N, C-alpha and C. Protein backbone atom coordinates (compact mmCIF):
# COMPACT_ATOMS: atom_id res chain seq x y z
N MET A 1 53.84 30.59 -92.10
CA MET A 1 55.16 30.33 -91.56
C MET A 1 55.65 31.60 -90.87
N GLY A 2 56.12 31.48 -89.63
CA GLY A 2 56.56 32.65 -88.87
C GLY A 2 58.06 32.88 -89.02
N LEU A 3 58.46 34.04 -88.60
CA LEU A 3 59.87 34.39 -88.63
C LEU A 3 60.53 33.97 -87.32
N LEU A 4 61.76 33.53 -87.41
CA LEU A 4 62.51 33.21 -86.21
C LEU A 4 63.18 34.49 -85.71
N VAL A 5 62.97 34.78 -84.45
CA VAL A 5 63.56 35.97 -83.86
C VAL A 5 64.55 35.51 -82.79
N GLU A 6 65.79 35.95 -82.93
CA GLU A 6 66.79 35.58 -81.95
C GLU A 6 66.62 36.45 -80.71
N LYS A 7 66.60 35.80 -79.55
CA LYS A 7 66.40 36.52 -78.30
C LYS A 7 67.73 37.05 -77.78
N GLU A 8 67.65 38.19 -77.09
CA GLU A 8 68.84 38.79 -76.52
C GLU A 8 69.29 37.97 -75.31
N ILE A 9 70.56 37.61 -75.28
CA ILE A 9 71.10 36.83 -74.18
C ILE A 9 71.58 37.79 -73.09
N ARG A 10 71.04 37.62 -71.89
CA ARG A 10 71.41 38.47 -70.76
C ARG A 10 72.64 37.94 -70.05
N ALA A 11 72.74 36.62 -69.95
CA ALA A 11 73.85 36.02 -69.21
C ALA A 11 73.98 34.56 -69.59
N PHE A 12 75.12 33.99 -69.22
CA PHE A 12 75.37 32.56 -69.37
C PHE A 12 75.54 32.00 -67.97
N GLN A 13 74.80 30.92 -67.65
CA GLN A 13 74.95 30.28 -66.35
C GLN A 13 75.84 29.07 -66.53
N LEU A 14 77.00 29.10 -65.90
CA LEU A 14 77.99 28.05 -66.05
C LEU A 14 77.60 26.82 -65.25
N LYS A 15 78.37 25.76 -65.39
CA LYS A 15 78.08 24.50 -64.70
C LYS A 15 78.11 24.66 -63.18
N ASN A 16 78.93 25.59 -62.68
CA ASN A 16 79.02 25.81 -61.23
C ASN A 16 77.98 26.85 -60.75
N LYS A 17 76.97 27.14 -61.60
CA LYS A 17 75.86 28.05 -61.31
C LYS A 17 76.27 29.52 -61.25
N ALA A 18 77.50 29.84 -61.62
CA ALA A 18 77.94 31.24 -61.67
C ALA A 18 77.39 31.88 -62.94
N LEU A 19 77.09 33.17 -62.86
CA LEU A 19 76.58 33.91 -64.01
C LEU A 19 77.68 34.76 -64.63
N VAL A 20 77.74 34.73 -65.96
CA VAL A 20 78.73 35.50 -66.70
C VAL A 20 77.99 36.32 -67.75
N CYS A 21 78.31 37.62 -67.85
CA CYS A 21 77.66 38.47 -68.84
C CYS A 21 78.18 38.11 -70.24
N PRO A 22 77.43 38.46 -71.28
CA PRO A 22 77.87 38.12 -72.65
C PRO A 22 79.21 38.73 -73.04
N VAL A 23 79.59 39.86 -72.44
CA VAL A 23 80.86 40.50 -72.76
C VAL A 23 82.03 39.67 -72.22
N CYS A 24 81.88 39.11 -71.03
CA CYS A 24 82.95 38.35 -70.38
C CYS A 24 82.99 36.88 -70.78
N ALA A 25 81.94 36.37 -71.39
CA ALA A 25 81.88 34.95 -71.75
C ALA A 25 82.89 34.63 -72.84
N THR A 26 83.58 33.51 -72.67
CA THR A 26 84.56 33.09 -73.67
C THR A 26 83.84 32.41 -74.83
N ASP A 27 84.55 32.23 -75.92
CA ASP A 27 83.96 31.56 -77.09
C ASP A 27 83.58 30.11 -76.76
N GLU A 28 84.38 29.46 -75.92
CA GLU A 28 84.08 28.08 -75.53
C GLU A 28 82.79 28.02 -74.71
N GLU A 29 82.59 29.00 -73.82
CA GLU A 29 81.37 29.03 -73.01
C GLU A 29 80.14 29.30 -73.87
N ARG A 30 80.29 30.15 -74.86
CA ARG A 30 79.16 30.46 -75.76
C ARG A 30 78.77 29.25 -76.59
N ALA A 31 79.75 28.44 -76.99
CA ALA A 31 79.49 27.30 -77.86
C ALA A 31 79.09 26.05 -77.09
N ASP A 32 79.34 26.01 -75.79
CA ASP A 32 79.06 24.82 -74.97
C ASP A 32 77.55 24.63 -74.80
N ASP A 33 77.06 23.43 -75.11
CA ASP A 33 75.63 23.15 -74.98
C ASP A 33 75.21 22.95 -73.53
N ASP A 34 76.17 22.66 -72.63
CA ASP A 34 75.84 22.47 -71.22
C ASP A 34 75.66 23.79 -70.48
N VAL A 35 76.10 24.88 -71.07
CA VAL A 35 75.96 26.19 -70.44
C VAL A 35 74.56 26.73 -70.75
N GLU A 36 73.83 27.08 -69.71
CA GLU A 36 72.46 27.60 -69.89
C GLU A 36 72.51 29.07 -70.27
N LYS A 37 71.74 29.43 -71.28
CA LYS A 37 71.66 30.81 -71.72
C LYS A 37 70.42 31.45 -71.10
N ILE A 38 70.59 32.56 -70.40
CA ILE A 38 69.47 33.28 -69.80
C ILE A 38 69.14 34.43 -70.73
N VAL A 39 67.94 34.41 -71.30
CA VAL A 39 67.54 35.42 -72.27
C VAL A 39 66.71 36.50 -71.59
N ALA A 40 66.44 37.57 -72.33
CA ALA A 40 65.77 38.74 -71.77
C ALA A 40 64.38 38.43 -71.23
N GLU A 41 63.68 37.45 -71.80
CA GLU A 41 62.32 37.16 -71.37
C GLU A 41 62.27 36.26 -70.13
N ASP A 42 63.39 35.64 -69.77
CA ASP A 42 63.41 34.76 -68.60
C ASP A 42 63.21 35.57 -67.32
N VAL A 43 62.42 35.03 -66.42
CA VAL A 43 62.19 35.68 -65.14
C VAL A 43 63.08 35.02 -64.11
N ILE A 44 63.87 35.82 -63.44
CA ILE A 44 64.77 35.31 -62.41
C ILE A 44 64.21 35.71 -61.06
N HIS A 45 64.05 34.75 -60.17
CA HIS A 45 63.45 35.01 -58.87
C HIS A 45 64.53 35.05 -57.77
N ASP A 46 65.63 35.72 -58.05
CA ASP A 46 66.68 35.87 -57.04
C ASP A 46 66.46 37.19 -56.31
N THR A 47 66.57 37.17 -55.01
CA THR A 47 66.44 38.41 -54.27
C THR A 47 67.66 39.30 -54.44
N PRO A 48 68.89 38.76 -54.36
CA PRO A 48 70.01 39.67 -54.64
C PRO A 48 70.11 39.93 -56.14
N PRO A 49 70.58 41.09 -56.52
CA PRO A 49 70.70 41.36 -57.97
C PRO A 49 71.74 40.44 -58.60
N MET A 50 71.49 40.05 -59.84
CA MET A 50 72.42 39.19 -60.55
C MET A 50 73.61 40.02 -61.00
N GLU A 51 74.82 39.46 -60.87
CA GLU A 51 75.99 40.16 -61.37
C GLU A 51 76.98 39.16 -61.94
N CYS A 52 77.76 39.64 -62.88
CA CYS A 52 78.77 38.82 -63.54
C CYS A 52 79.87 38.50 -62.54
N VAL A 53 80.33 37.25 -62.51
CA VAL A 53 81.38 36.86 -61.58
C VAL A 53 82.75 37.39 -62.00
N ARG A 54 82.87 37.83 -63.23
CA ARG A 54 84.17 38.31 -63.72
C ARG A 54 84.31 39.83 -63.65
N CYS A 55 83.35 40.56 -64.17
CA CYS A 55 83.48 42.03 -64.18
C CYS A 55 82.66 42.71 -63.09
N ARG A 56 81.82 41.96 -62.39
CA ARG A 56 80.99 42.44 -61.27
C ARG A 56 79.94 43.46 -61.68
N LYS A 57 79.62 43.52 -62.98
CA LYS A 57 78.55 44.41 -63.43
C LYS A 57 77.20 43.74 -63.21
N LYS A 58 76.21 44.55 -62.92
CA LYS A 58 74.85 44.03 -62.69
C LYS A 58 74.27 43.56 -64.02
N ILE A 59 73.69 42.38 -64.02
CA ILE A 59 73.05 41.82 -65.21
C ILE A 59 71.59 42.23 -65.19
N LYS A 60 71.17 42.94 -66.22
CA LYS A 60 69.79 43.46 -66.26
C LYS A 60 68.86 42.47 -66.86
């Protein structure tokens, strides 16, 4: 039996495809099952750098 390891969440992708960093995400957005969670292992193929729509920080 293996251990469950929780992955680090890099961002939340909202229904309107906007990205929000974990610091700016509200409790409702974190709990919503329709919001996609982008974790550290996910590969994003966007040419422009990803940034939070609220604080404008680059999402690594």
